[in-house]
PDB file of N, CA and C in Angstrom:
ATOM      1  N   MET A   1       0.979  34.404  69.233  1.00  0.00           N
ATOM      2  CA  MET A   1      -0.092  33.477  69.021  1.00  0.00           C
ATOM      3  C   MET A   1      -0.890  34.085  67.840  1.00  0.00           C
ATOM      4  N   THR A   2      -1.323  33.120  66.994  1.00  0.00           N
ATOM      5  CA  THR A   2      -2.220  33.516  65.913  1.00  0.00           C
ATOM      6  C   THR A   2      -3.633  32.907  66.038  1.00  0.00           C
ATOM      7  N   ILE A   3      -4.524  33.872  65.852  1.00  0.00           N
ATOM      8  CA  ILE A   3      -5.932  33.420  65.925  1.00  0.00           C
ATOM      9  C   ILE A   3      -6.350  32.928  64.613  1.00  0.00           C
ATOM     10  N   PRO A   4      -6.911  31.720  64.594  1.00  0.00           N
ATOM     11  CA  PRO A   4      -7.315  31.084  63.260  1.00  0.00           C
ATOM     12  C   PRO A   4      -8.407  32.009  62.680  1.00  0.00           C
ATOM     13  N   LYS A   5      -8.420  31.957  61.179  1.00  0.00           N
ATOM     14  CA  LYS A   5      -9.294  32.879  60.559  1.00  0.00           C
ATOM     15  C   LYS A   5     -10.827  32.610  60.738  1.00  0.00           C
ATOM     16  N   ASP A   6     -11.065  31.314  61.106  1.00  0.00           N
ATOM     17  CA  ASP A   6     -12.375  30.797  61.206  1.00  0.00           C
ATOM     18  C   ASP A   6     -12.810  30.787  62.828  1.00  0.00           C
ATOM     19  N   PHE A   7     -11.948  31.439  63.619  1.00  0.00           N
ATOM     20  CA  PHE A   7     -12.321  31.604  65.015  1.00  0.00           C
ATOM     21  C   PHE A   7     -13.621  32.200  65.348  1.00  0.00           C
ATOM     22  N   THR A   8     -14.534  31.696  66.227  1.00  0.00           N
ATOM     23  CA  THR A   8     -15.784  32.178  66.501  1.00  0.00           C
ATOM     24  C   THR A   8     -15.770  31.943  68.179  1.00  0.00           C
ATOM     25  N   PRO A   9     -15.926  33.091  68.814  1.00  0.00           N
ATOM     26  CA  PRO A   9     -15.891  32.808  70.453  1.00  0.00           C
ATOM     27  C   PRO A   9     -17.129  32.018  70.802  1.00  0.00           C
ATOM     28  N   THR A  10     -17.022  31.267  71.702  1.00  0.00           N
ATOM     29  CA  THR A  10     -18.033  30.431  72.328  1.00  0.00           C
ATOM     30  C   THR A  10     -18.970  31.338  73.125  1.00  0.00           C
ATOM     31  N   PRO A  11     -20.170  30.951  73.188  1.00  0.00           N
ATOM     32  CA  PRO A  11     -21.169  31.782  74.128  1.00  0.00           C
ATOM     33  C   PRO A  11     -20.548  31.557  75.681  1.00  0.00           C
ATOM     34  N   GLY A  12     -20.576  32.703  76.235  1.00  0.00           N
ATOM     35  CA  GLY A  12     -20.114  32.706  77.628  1.00  0.00           C
ATOM     36  C   GLY A  12     -18.593  32.677  77.738  1.00  0.00           C
ATOM     37  N   LEU A  13     -17.782  32.990  76.737  1.00  0.00           N
ATOM     38  CA  LEU A  13     -16.301  33.030  76.835  1.00  0.00           C
ATOM     39  C   LEU A  13     -15.940  34.135  77.702  1.00  0.00           C
ATOM     40  N   LEU A  14     -16.707  35.210  77.764  1.00  0.00           N
ATOM     41  CA  LEU A  14     -16.352  36.426  78.490  1.00  0.00           C
ATOM     42  C   LEU A  14     -17.336  36.676  79.706  1.00  0.00           C
ATOM     43  N   THR A  15     -17.953  35.669  80.102  1.00  0.00           N
ATOM     44  CA  THR A  15     -18.896  35.819  81.206  1.00  0.00           C
ATOM     45  C   THR A  15     -18.090  36.189  82.526  1.00  0.00           C
ATOM     46  N   ASP A  16     -18.658  37.060  83.275  1.00  0.00           N
ATOM     47  CA  ASP A  16     -18.083  37.627  84.463  1.00  0.00           C
ATOM     48  C   ASP A  16     -16.782  38.498  84.203  1.00  0.00           C
ATOM     49  N   ARG A  17     -16.753  38.899  82.943  1.00  0.00           N
ATOM     50  CA  ARG A  17     -15.623  39.793  82.631  1.00  0.00           C
ATOM     51  C   ARG A  17     -16.095  41.181  82.236  1.00  0.00           C
ATOM     52  N   VAL A  18     -15.446  42.330  82.626  1.00  0.00           N
ATOM     53  CA  VAL A  18     -15.780  43.648  82.307  1.00  0.00           C
ATOM     54  C   VAL A  18     -14.837  44.233  81.299  1.00  0.00           C
ATOM     55  N   VAL A  19     -15.332  44.603  80.093  1.00  0.00           N
ATOM     56  CA  VAL A  19     -14.521  45.073  78.994  1.00  0.00           C
ATOM     57  C   VAL A  19     -14.847  46.654  78.722  1.00  0.00           C
ATOM     58  N   LEU A  20     -13.825  47.425  78.739  1.00  0.00           N
ATOM     59  CA  LEU A  20     -13.969  48.841  78.309  1.00  0.00           C
ATOM     60  C   LEU A  20     -13.587  48.948  76.915  1.00  0.00           C
ATOM     61  N   VAL A  21     -14.539  49.447  76.058  1.00  0.00           N
ATOM     62  CA  VAL A  21     -14.265  49.667  74.556  1.00  0.00           C
ATOM     63  C   VAL A  21     -14.354  51.193  74.395  1.00  0.00           C
ATOM     64  N   THR A  22     -13.278  51.761  73.950  1.00  0.00           N
ATOM     65  CA  THR A  22     -13.179  53.211  73.641  1.00  0.00           C
ATOM     66  C   THR A  22     -13.488  53.164  72.120  1.00  0.00           C
ATOM     67  N   GLY A  23     -14.203  54.419  71.824  1.00  0.00           N
ATOM     68  CA  GLY A  23     -14.639  54.482  70.321  1.00  0.00           C
ATOM     69  C   GLY A  23     -15.719  53.457  69.986  1.00  0.00           C
ATOM     70  N   ALA A  24     -16.592  53.248  70.994  1.00  0.00           N
ATOM     71  CA  ALA A  24     -17.602  52.172  70.857  1.00  0.00           C
ATOM     72  C   ALA A  24     -18.772  52.533  69.957  1.00  0.00           C
ATOM     73  N   THR A  25     -18.841  53.669  69.349  1.00  0.00           N
ATOM     74  CA  THR A  25     -19.997  54.187  68.517  1.00  0.00           C
ATOM     75  C   THR A  25     -19.972  53.756  67.268  1.00  0.00           C
ATOM     76  N   SER A  26     -18.770  53.420  66.614  1.00  0.00           N
ATOM     77  CA  SER A  26     -18.803  53.122  65.197  1.00  0.00           C
ATOM     78  C   SER A  26     -17.576  52.170  64.943  1.00  0.00           C
ATOM     79  N   GLY A  27     -17.598  51.721  63.715  1.00  0.00           N
ATOM     80  CA  GLY A  27     -16.480  50.939  63.175  1.00  0.00           C
ATOM     81  C   GLY A  27     -16.030  49.761  63.997  1.00  0.00           C
ATOM     82  N   LEU A  28     -14.631  49.650  64.234  1.00  0.00           N
ATOM     83  CA  LEU A  28     -14.091  48.585  65.082  1.00  0.00           C
ATOM     84  C   LEU A  28     -14.634  48.553  66.436  1.00  0.00           C
ATOM     85  N   GLY A  29     -14.691  49.687  67.107  1.00  0.00           N
ATOM     86  CA  GLY A  29     -15.148  49.774  68.412  1.00  0.00           C
ATOM     87  C   GLY A  29     -16.510  49.236  68.520  1.00  0.00           C
ATOM     88  N   ARG A  30     -17.308  49.680  67.806  1.00  0.00           N
ATOM     89  CA  ARG A  30     -18.850  49.158  67.824  1.00  0.00           C
ATOM     90  C   ARG A  30     -18.792  47.676  67.655  1.00  0.00           C
ATOM     91  N   ALA A  31     -18.194  47.179  66.599  1.00  0.00           N
ATOM     92  CA  ALA A  31     -18.120  45.734  66.328  1.00  0.00           C
ATOM     93  C   ALA A  31     -17.508  44.956  67.613  1.00  0.00           C
ATOM     94  N   LEU A  32     -16.518  45.459  68.161  1.00  0.00           N
ATOM     95  CA  LEU A  32     -15.862  44.791  69.236  1.00  0.00           C
ATOM     96  C   LEU A  32     -16.828  44.796  70.540  1.00  0.00           C
ATOM     97  N   ALA A  33     -17.537  45.954  70.756  1.00  0.00           N
ATOM     98  CA  ALA A  33     -18.417  46.054  71.845  1.00  0.00           C
ATOM     99  C   ALA A  33     -19.534  44.911  71.699  1.00  0.00           C
ATOM    100  N   LEU A  34     -20.009  44.769  70.429  1.00  0.00           N
ATOM    101  CA  LEU A  34     -21.178  43.838  70.242  1.00  0.00           C
ATOM    102  C   LEU A  34     -20.733  42.512  70.404  1.00  0.00           C
ATOM    103  N   GLU A  35     -19.455  42.105  69.997  1.00  0.00           N
ATOM    104  CA  GLU A  35     -19.045  40.682  69.963  1.00  0.00           C
ATOM    105  C   GLU A  35     -18.590  40.426  71.583  1.00  0.00           C
ATOM    106  N   CYS A  36     -18.011  41.354  72.240  1.00  0.00           N
ATOM    107  CA  CYS A  36     -17.677  41.068  73.571  1.00  0.00           C
ATOM    108  C   CYS A  36     -19.071  40.847  74.563  1.00  0.00           C
ATOM    109  N   ALA A  37     -20.078  41.565  74.026  1.00  0.00           N
ATOM    110  CA  ALA A  37     -21.385  41.376  74.832  1.00  0.00           C
ATOM    111  C   ALA A  37     -21.951  40.074  74.342  1.00  0.00           C
ATOM    112  N   ARG A  38     -21.896  39.696  73.067  1.00  0.00           N
ATOM    113  CA  ARG A  38     -22.402  38.263  72.711  1.00  0.00           C
ATOM    114  C   ARG A  38     -21.656  37.136  73.517  1.00  0.00           C
ATOM    115  N   ALA A  39     -20.384  37.429  73.683  1.00  0.00           N
ATOM    116  CA  ALA A  39     -19.533  36.417  74.521  1.00  0.00           C
ATOM    117  C   ALA A  39     -19.665  36.558  75.929  1.00  0.00           C
ATOM    118  N   GLY A  40     -20.731  37.300  76.436  1.00  0.00           N
ATOM    119  CA  GLY A  40     -21.078  37.242  77.750  1.00  0.00           C
ATOM    120  C   GLY A  40     -20.458  38.499  78.640  1.00  0.00           C
ATOM    121  N   ALA A  41     -19.642  39.345  78.103  1.00  0.00           N
ATOM    122  CA  ALA A  41     -19.073  40.390  78.888  1.00  0.00           C
ATOM    123  C   ALA A  41     -19.970  41.585  79.282  1.00  0.00           C
ATOM    124  N   THR A  42     -19.673  42.124  80.416  1.00  0.00           N
ATOM    125  CA  THR A  42     -20.331  43.379  80.632  1.00  0.00           C
ATOM    126  C   THR A  42     -19.448  44.438  80.058  1.00  0.00           C
ATOM    127  N   VAL A  43     -20.125  45.245  79.085  1.00  0.00           N
ATOM    128  CA  VAL A  43     -19.272  46.158  78.320  1.00  0.00           C
ATOM    129  C   VAL A  43     -19.503  47.522  78.768  1.00  0.00           C
ATOM    130  N   ILE A  44     -18.308  48.235  78.856  1.00  0.00           N
ATOM    131  CA  ILE A  44     -18.447  49.715  79.094  1.00  0.00           C
ATOM    132  C   ILE A  44     -18.101  50.396  77.873  1.00  0.00           C
ATOM    133  N   LEU A  45     -19.230  51.013  77.380  1.00  0.00           N
ATOM    134  CA  LEU A  45     -19.036  51.820  76.076  1.00  0.00           C
ATOM    135  C   LEU A  45     -18.550  53.154  76.323  1.00  0.00           C
ATOM    136  N   SER A  46     -17.575  53.515  75.697  1.00  0.00           N
ATOM    137  CA  SER A  46     -16.853  54.835  75.841  1.00  0.00           C
ATOM    138  C   SER A  46     -16.765  55.509  74.397  1.00  0.00           C
ATOM    139  N   GLY A  47     -17.077  56.884  74.558  1.00  0.00           N
ATOM    140  CA  GLY A  47     -17.005  57.663  73.299  1.00  0.00           C
ATOM    141  C   GLY A  47     -17.484  58.978  73.549  1.00  0.00           C
ATOM    142  N   ARG A  48     -17.345  59.801  72.551  1.00  0.00           N
ATOM    143  CA  ARG A  48     -17.715  61.318  72.651  1.00  0.00           C
ATOM    144  C   ARG A  48     -19.158  61.627  72.525  1.00  0.00           C
ATOM    145  N   ASN A  49     -19.922  60.715  71.635  1.00  0.00           N
ATOM    146  CA  ASN A  49     -21.321  61.090  71.379  1.00  0.00           C
ATOM    147  C   ASN A  49     -22.251  60.275  72.266  1.00  0.00           C
ATOM    148  N   PRO A  50     -22.935  60.840  73.244  1.00  0.00           N
ATOM    149  CA  PRO A  50     -23.973  60.145  74.006  1.00  0.00           C
ATOM    150  C   PRO A  50     -24.968  59.415  73.283  1.00  0.00           C
ATOM    151  N   GLY A  51     -25.562  60.168  72.166  1.00  0.00           N
ATOM    152  CA  GLY A  51     -26.632  59.630  71.403  1.00  0.00           C
ATOM    153  C   GLY A  51     -26.138  58.174  70.672  1.00  0.00           C
ATOM    154  N   LYS A  52     -25.164  58.309  70.110  1.00  0.00           N
ATOM    155  CA  LYS A  52     -24.564  57.104  69.486  1.00  0.00           C
ATOM    156  C   LYS A  52     -24.238  55.952  70.554  1.00  0.00           C
ATOM    157  N   LEU A  53     -23.698  56.380  71.683  1.00  0.00           N
ATOM    158  CA  LEU A  53     -23.554  55.301  72.670  1.00  0.00           C
ATOM    159  C   LEU A  53     -24.695  54.646  73.121  1.00  0.00           C
ATOM    160  N   GLU A  54     -25.688  55.483  73.191  1.00  0.00           N
ATOM    161  CA  GLU A  54     -27.059  54.997  73.703  1.00  0.00           C
ATOM    162  C   GLU A  54     -27.547  53.966  72.611  1.00  0.00           C
ATOM    163  N   ARG A  55     -27.391  54.205  71.401  1.00  0.00           N
ATOM    164  CA  ARG A  55     -27.806  53.253  70.361  1.00  0.00           C
ATOM    165  C   ARG A  55     -27.172  51.919  70.464  1.00  0.00           C
ATOM    166  N   VAL A  56     -25.859  51.939  70.651  1.00  0.00           N
ATOM    167  CA  VAL A  56     -25.030  50.707  70.811  1.00  0.00           C
ATOM    168  C   VAL A  56     -25.473  50.031  72.131  1.00  0.00           C
ATOM    169  N   TYR A  57     -25.680  50.819  73.201  1.00  0.00           N
ATOM    170  CA  TYR A  57     -26.277  50.195  74.391  1.00  0.00           C
ATOM    171  C   TYR A  57     -27.559  49.554  74.086  1.00  0.00           C
ATOM    172  N   ASP A  58     -28.519  50.262  73.272  1.00  0.00           N
ATOM    173  CA  ASP A  58     -29.660  49.451  73.041  1.00  0.00           C
ATOM    174  C   ASP A  58     -29.526  48.265  72.173  1.00  0.00           C
ATOM    175  N   GLU A  59     -28.510  48.233  71.317  1.00  0.00           N
ATOM    176  CA  GLU A  59     -28.219  47.015  70.545  1.00  0.00           C
ATOM    177  C   GLU A  59     -27.838  45.888  71.397  1.00  0.00           C
ATOM    178  N   ILE A  60     -26.996  46.253  72.395  1.00  0.00           N
ATOM    179  CA  ILE A  60     -26.562  45.180  73.311  1.00  0.00           C
ATOM    180  C   ILE A  60     -27.616  44.732  74.256  1.00  0.00           C
ATOM    181  N   GLU A  61     -28.488  45.552  74.703  1.00  0.00           N
ATOM    182  CA  GLU A  61     -29.701  45.063  75.480  1.00  0.00           C
ATOM    183  C   GLU A  61     -30.487  44.093  74.645  1.00  0.00           C
ATOM    184  N   ALA A  62     -30.679  44.656  73.370  1.00  0.00           N
ATOM    185  CA  ALA A  62     -31.618  43.671  72.498  1.00  0.00           C
ATOM    186  C   ALA A  62     -30.995  42.187  72.361  1.00  0.00           C
ATOM    187  N   LEU A  63     -29.755  42.162  72.429  1.00  0.00           N
ATOM    188  CA  LEU A  63     -28.992  40.825  72.341  1.00  0.00           C
ATOM    189  C   LEU A  63     -29.415  39.937  73.708  1.00  0.00           C
ATOM    190  N   GLY A  64     -29.785  40.646  74.674  1.00  0.00           N
ATOM    191  CA  GLY A  64     -30.126  39.848  76.045  1.00  0.00           C
ATOM    192  C   GLY A  64     -28.822  39.592  76.730  1.00  0.00           C
ATOM    193  N   ALA A  65     -27.713  40.478  76.292  1.00  0.00           N
ATOM    194  CA  ALA A  65     -26.359  40.244  76.977  1.00  0.00           C
ATOM    195  C   ALA A  65     -26.481  41.103  78.304  1.00  0.00           C
ATOM    196  N   PRO A  66     -25.410  40.929  79.074  1.00  0.00           N
ATOM    197  CA  PRO A  66     -25.404  41.612  80.367  1.00  0.00           C
ATOM    198  C   PRO A  66     -25.570  43.209  80.119  1.00  0.00           C
ATOM    199  N   GLN A  67     -26.135  43.922  80.967  1.00  0.00           N
ATOM    200  CA  GLN A  67     -26.382  45.320  81.019  1.00  0.00           C
ATOM    201  C   GLN A  67     -25.099  46.099  80.831  1.00  0.00           C
ATOM    202  N   PRO A  68     -24.871  46.840  79.471  1.00  0.00           N
ATOM    203  CA  PRO A  68     -23.785  47.490  79.519  1.00  0.00           C
ATOM    204  C   PRO A  68     -23.689  48.822  80.401  1.00  0.00           C
ATOM    205  N   ALA A  69     -22.601  49.586  80.390  1.00  0.00           N
ATOM    206  CA  ALA A  69     -22.639  50.839  80.990  1.00  0.00           C
ATOM    207  C   ALA A  69     -22.185  51.915  79.903  1.00  0.00           C
ATOM    208  N   ILE A  70     -22.317  53.081  80.213  1.00  0.00           N
ATOM    209  CA  ILE A  70     -21.954  54.151  79.262  1.00  0.00           C
ATOM    210  C   ILE A  70     -20.952  55.129  79.998  1.00  0.00           C
ATOM    211  N   ALA A  71     -19.898  55.418  79.342  1.00  0.00           N
ATOM    212  CA  ALA A  71     -18.898  56.405  79.762  1.00  0.00           C
ATOM    213  C   ALA A  71     -18.547  57.327  78.759  1.00  0.00           C
ATOM    214  N   THR A  72     -19.282  58.441  78.750  1.00  0.00           N
ATOM    215  CA  THR A  72     -19.195  59.534  77.645  1.00  0.00           C
ATOM    216  C   THR A  72     -17.841  60.203  78.212  1.00  0.00           C
ATOM    217  N   LEU A  73     -16.944  60.115  77.172  1.00  0.00           N
ATOM    218  CA  LEU A  73     -15.615  60.822  77.510  1.00  0.00           C
ATOM    219  C   LEU A  73     -14.918  61.097  76.118  1.00  0.00           C
ATOM    220  N   ASP A  74     -14.288  62.397  76.029  1.00  0.00           N
ATOM    221  CA  ASP A  74     -13.571  62.683  74.824  1.00  0.00           C
ATOM    222  C   ASP A  74     -12.112  62.649  75.465  1.00  0.00           C
ATOM    223  N   LEU A  75     -11.349  61.609  74.939  1.00  0.00           N
ATOM    224  CA  LEU A  75     -10.016  61.203  75.429  1.00  0.00           C
ATOM    225  C   LEU A  75      -9.117  62.548  75.160  1.00  0.00           C
ATOM    226  N   ALA A  76      -9.290  63.171  74.089  1.00  0.00           N
ATOM    227  CA  ALA A  76      -8.464  64.269  73.699  1.00  0.00           C
ATOM    228  C   ALA A  76      -8.529  65.407  74.665  1.00  0.00           C
ATOM    229  N   ASN A  77      -9.631  65.671  75.397  1.00  0.00           N
ATOM    230  CA  ASN A  77      -9.906  66.853  76.105  1.00  0.00           C
ATOM    231  C   ASN A  77     -10.250  66.496  77.631  1.00  0.00           C
ATOM    232  N   ALA A  78     -10.122  65.224  77.874  1.00  0.00           N
ATOM    233  CA  ALA A  78     -10.583  64.826  79.214  1.00  0.00           C
ATOM    234  C   ALA A  78      -9.723  65.455  80.372  1.00  0.00           C
ATOM    235  N   THR A  79     -10.431  65.760  81.416  1.00  0.00           N
ATOM    236  CA  THR A  79      -9.888  66.248  82.679  1.00  0.00           C
ATOM    237  C   THR A  79      -9.779  65.143  83.780  1.00  0.00           C
ATOM    238  N   ALA A  80      -9.154  65.500  84.792  1.00  0.00           N
ATOM    239  CA  ALA A  80      -9.035  64.668  85.929  1.00  0.00           C
ATOM    240  C   ALA A  80     -10.383  64.107  86.497  1.00  0.00           C
ATOM    241  N   ILE A  81     -11.310  65.201  86.389  1.00  0.00           N
ATOM    242  CA  ILE A  81     -12.814  64.935  86.816  1.00  0.00           C
ATOM    243  C   ILE A  81     -13.431  63.895  85.933  1.00  0.00           C
ATOM    244  N   ASP A  82     -13.199  63.959  84.551  1.00  0.00           N
ATOM    245  CA  ASP A  82     -13.736  62.980  83.773  1.00  0.00           C
ATOM    246  C   ASP A  82     -13.178  61.648  83.978  1.00  0.00           C
ATOM    247  N   TYR A  83     -11.889  61.504  84.152  1.00  0.00           N
ATOM    248  CA  TYR A  83     -11.321  60.278  84.447  1.00  0.00           C
ATOM    249  C   TYR A  83     -11.761  59.655  85.694  1.00  0.00           C
ATOM    250  N   ASP A  84     -12.040  60.451  86.706  1.00  0.00           N
ATOM    251  CA  ASP A  84     -12.522  60.071  87.988  1.00  0.00           C
ATOM    252  C   ASP A  84     -14.023  59.439  87.704  1.00  0.00           C
ATOM    253  N   GLY A  85     -14.749  60.137  86.861  1.00  0.00           N
ATOM    254  CA  GLY A  85     -16.071  59.478  86.550  1.00  0.00           C
ATOM    255  C   GLY A  85     -15.910  58.194  85.803  1.00  0.00           C
ATOM    256  N   LEU A  86     -14.947  58.057  84.891  1.00  0.00           N
ATOM    257  CA  LEU A  86     -14.673  56.901  84.166  1.00  0.00           C
ATOM    258  C   LEU A  86     -14.316  55.687  85.367  1.00  0.00           C
ATOM    259  N   ALA A  87     -13.599  56.060  86.123  1.00  0.00           N
ATOM    260  CA  ALA A  87     -13.070  55.161  87.221  1.00  0.00           C
ATOM    261  C   ALA A  87     -14.331  54.570  88.059  1.00  0.00           C
ATOM    262  N   LYS A  88     -15.226  55.421  88.319  1.00  0.00           N
ATOM    263  CA  LYS A  88     -16.409  55.165  89.062  1.00  0.00           C
ATOM    264  C   LYS A  88     -17.363  54.200  88.163  1.00  0.00           C
ATOM    265  N   THR A  89     -17.314  54.520  86.869  1.00  0.00           N
ATOM    266  CA  THR A  89     -18.230  53.688  86.100  1.00  0.00           C
ATOM    267  C   THR A  89     -17.616  52.237  86.057  1.00  0.00           C
ATOM    268  N   ILE A  90     -16.316  52.155  85.878  1.00  0.00           N
ATOM    269  CA  ILE A  90     -15.638  50.867  85.857  1.00  0.00           C
ATOM    270  C   ILE A  90     -15.792  50.151  87.199  1.00  0.00           C
ATOM    271  N   ALA A  91     -15.673  50.882  88.346  1.00  0.00           N
ATOM    272  CA  ALA A  91     -15.864  50.317  89.612  1.00  0.00           C
ATOM    273  C   ALA A  91     -17.281  49.595  89.853  1.00  0.00           C
ATOM    274  N   MET A  92     -18.286  50.467  89.393  1.00  0.00           N
ATOM    275  CA  MET A  92     -19.712  49.961  89.450  1.00  0.00           C
ATOM    276  C   MET A  92     -19.867  48.690  88.531  1.00  0.00           C
ATOM    277  N   SER A  93     -19.302  48.716  87.389  1.00  0.00           N
ATOM    278  CA  SER A  93     -19.393  47.558  86.429  1.00  0.00           C
ATOM    279  C   SER A  93     -18.635  46.330  86.948  1.00  0.00           C
ATOM    280  N   LEU A  94     -17.669  46.437  87.641  1.00  0.00           N
ATOM    281  CA  LEU A  94     -16.869  45.475  88.228  1.00  0.00           C
ATOM    282  C   LEU A  94     -17.714  44.908  89.488  1.00  0.00           C
ATOM    283  N   ALA A  95     -18.374  45.780  90.190  1.00  0.00           N
ATOM    284  CA  ALA A  95     -19.184  45.225  91.448  1.00  0.00           C
ATOM    285  C   ALA A  95     -20.388  44.569  90.917  1.00  0.00           C
ATOM    286  N   GLY A  96     -20.873  44.935  89.699  1.00  0.00           N
ATOM    287  CA  GLY A  96     -22.069  44.376  89.198  1.00  0.00           C
ATOM    288  C   GLY A  96     -21.898  42.956  88.484  1.00  0.00           C
ATOM    289  N   SER A  97     -20.773  42.772  88.136  1.00  0.00           N
ATOM    290  CA  SER A  97     -20.314  41.645  87.293  1.00  0.00           C
ATOM    291  C   SER A  97     -20.173  40.360  88.238  1.00  0.00           C
ATOM    292  N   THR A  98     -19.959  40.600  89.439  1.00  0.00           N
ATOM    293  CA  THR A  98     -19.695  39.559  90.336  1.00  0.00           C
ATOM    294  C   THR A  98     -20.921  39.117  91.080  1.00  0.00           C
ATOM    295  N   ASP A  99     -22.082  39.688  90.929  1.00  0.00           N
ATOM    296  CA  ASP A  99     -23.269  39.342  91.607  1.00  0.00           C
ATOM    297  C   ASP A  99     -23.871  38.001  91.245  1.00  0.00           C
TER     298      ASP A  99
END
Protein backbone atom coordinates (compact mmCIF):
# COMPACT_ATOMS: atom_id res chain seq x y z
CA MET A 1 0.00 0.00 0.00
CA THR A 2 1.33 3.41 -0.93
CA ILE A 3 0.14 6.55 0.82
CA PRO A 4 -0.31 9.47 -1.59
CA LYS A 5 2.16 12.32 -1.08
CA ASP A 6 -0.67 14.78 -0.53
CA PHE A 7 -2.43 12.63 2.10
CA THR A 8 -3.87 14.56 5.02
CA PRO A 9 -5.71 12.64 7.76
CA THR A 10 -9.29 13.70 8.25
CA PRO A 11 -10.32 15.10 11.64
CA GLY A 12 -11.55 12.25 13.80
CA LEU A 13 -9.74 9.55 11.81
CA LEU A 14 -8.27 8.12 15.04
CA THR A 15 -11.14 8.93 17.42
CA ASP A 16 -11.51 6.26 20.12
CA ARG A 17 -8.03 4.93 19.32
CA VAL A 18 -5.10 4.82 21.74
CA VAL A 19 -1.66 5.30 20.21
CA LEU A 20 1.63 4.71 22.06
CA VAL A 21 4.45 6.84 20.65
CA THR A 22 7.99 6.08 21.79
CA GLY A 23 10.58 8.80 21.42
CA ALA A 24 7.75 11.32 21.64
CA THR A 25 9.91 14.21 22.83
CA SER A 26 11.47 15.22 19.51
CA GLY A 27 11.82 14.57 15.83
CA LEU A 28 9.60 12.01 14.18
CA GLY A 29 8.13 10.80 17.48
CA ARG A 30 6.98 14.29 18.47
CA ALA A 31 5.55 14.97 15.02
CA LEU A 32 3.72 11.63 15.04
CA ALA A 33 2.30 12.26 18.52
CA LEU A 34 0.96 15.66 17.49
CA GLU A 35 -0.58 14.38 14.24
CA CYS A 36 -2.22 11.41 15.97
CA ALA A 37 -3.68 13.79 18.53
CA ARG A 38 -4.95 16.09 15.76
CA ALA A 39 -6.63 13.05 14.20
CA GLY A 40 -8.45 12.38 17.49
CA ALA A 41 -6.33 9.67 19.13
CA THR A 42 -5.59 9.44 22.82
CA VAL A 43 -1.79 9.53 22.71
CA ILE A 44 0.51 7.89 25.24
CA LEU A 45 3.76 9.82 25.14
CA SER A 46 6.79 7.72 25.98
CA GLY A 47 10.39 8.81 26.35
CA ARG A 48 13.23 9.26 28.81
CA ASN A 49 12.90 12.94 29.64
CA PRO A 50 9.87 13.86 31.78
CA GLY A 51 10.26 17.61 31.15
CA LYS A 52 10.24 17.19 27.37
CA LEU A 53 7.29 14.78 27.59
CA GLU A 54 5.37 17.38 29.59
CA ARG A 55 6.02 20.00 26.90
CA VAL A 56 4.59 17.74 24.18
CA TYR A 57 1.69 16.93 26.53
CA ASP A 58 0.99 20.66 26.85
CA GLU A 59 1.11 21.07 23.06
CA ILE A 60 -1.49 18.33 22.65
CA GLU A 61 -3.68 19.85 25.35
CA ALA A 62 -3.48 23.21 23.54
CA LEU A 63 -4.80 21.53 20.39
CA GLY A 64 -7.98 20.55 22.25
CA ALA A 65 -7.23 16.92 21.49
CA PRO A 66 -8.05 14.06 23.88
CA GLN A 67 -6.01 14.20 27.08
CA PRO A 68 -2.71 12.39 26.50
CA ALA A 69 -0.86 10.23 28.99
CA ILE A 70 2.83 10.21 29.87
CA ALA A 71 4.90 7.06 30.29
CA THR A 72 8.46 8.00 31.23
CA LEU A 73 10.53 5.03 30.15
CA ASP A 74 14.12 4.40 29.09
CA LEU A 75 13.71 1.36 26.84
CA ALA A 76 17.43 0.55 26.98
CA ASN A 77 17.43 0.19 30.77
CA ALA A 78 13.80 -0.66 31.59
CA THR A 79 13.00 -3.30 34.18
CA ALA A 80 9.95 -5.49 34.63
CA ILE A 81 8.59 -2.90 37.07
CA ASP A 82 8.94 -0.18 34.41
CA TYR A 83 7.06 -2.28 31.87
CA ASP A 84 4.37 -3.01 34.45
CA GLY A 85 3.92 0.74 34.89
CA LEU A 86 3.68 1.15 31.11
CA ALA A 87 1.04 -1.58 30.94
CA LYS A 88 -0.99 0.20 33.63
CA THR A 89 -0.76 3.51 31.73
CA ILE A 90 -1.95 1.79 28.56
CA ALA A 91 -4.83 0.10 30.41
CA MET A 92 -5.96 3.40 31.95
CA SER A 93 -5.81 5.11 28.55
CA LEU A 94 -7.83 2.33 26.94
CA ALA A 95 -10.45 2.56 29.68
CA GLY A 96 -10.66 6.33 29.25
CA SER A 97 -10.97 6.22 25.47
CA THR A 98 -14.27 4.33 25.53
CA ASP A 99 -16.13 6.68 27.92
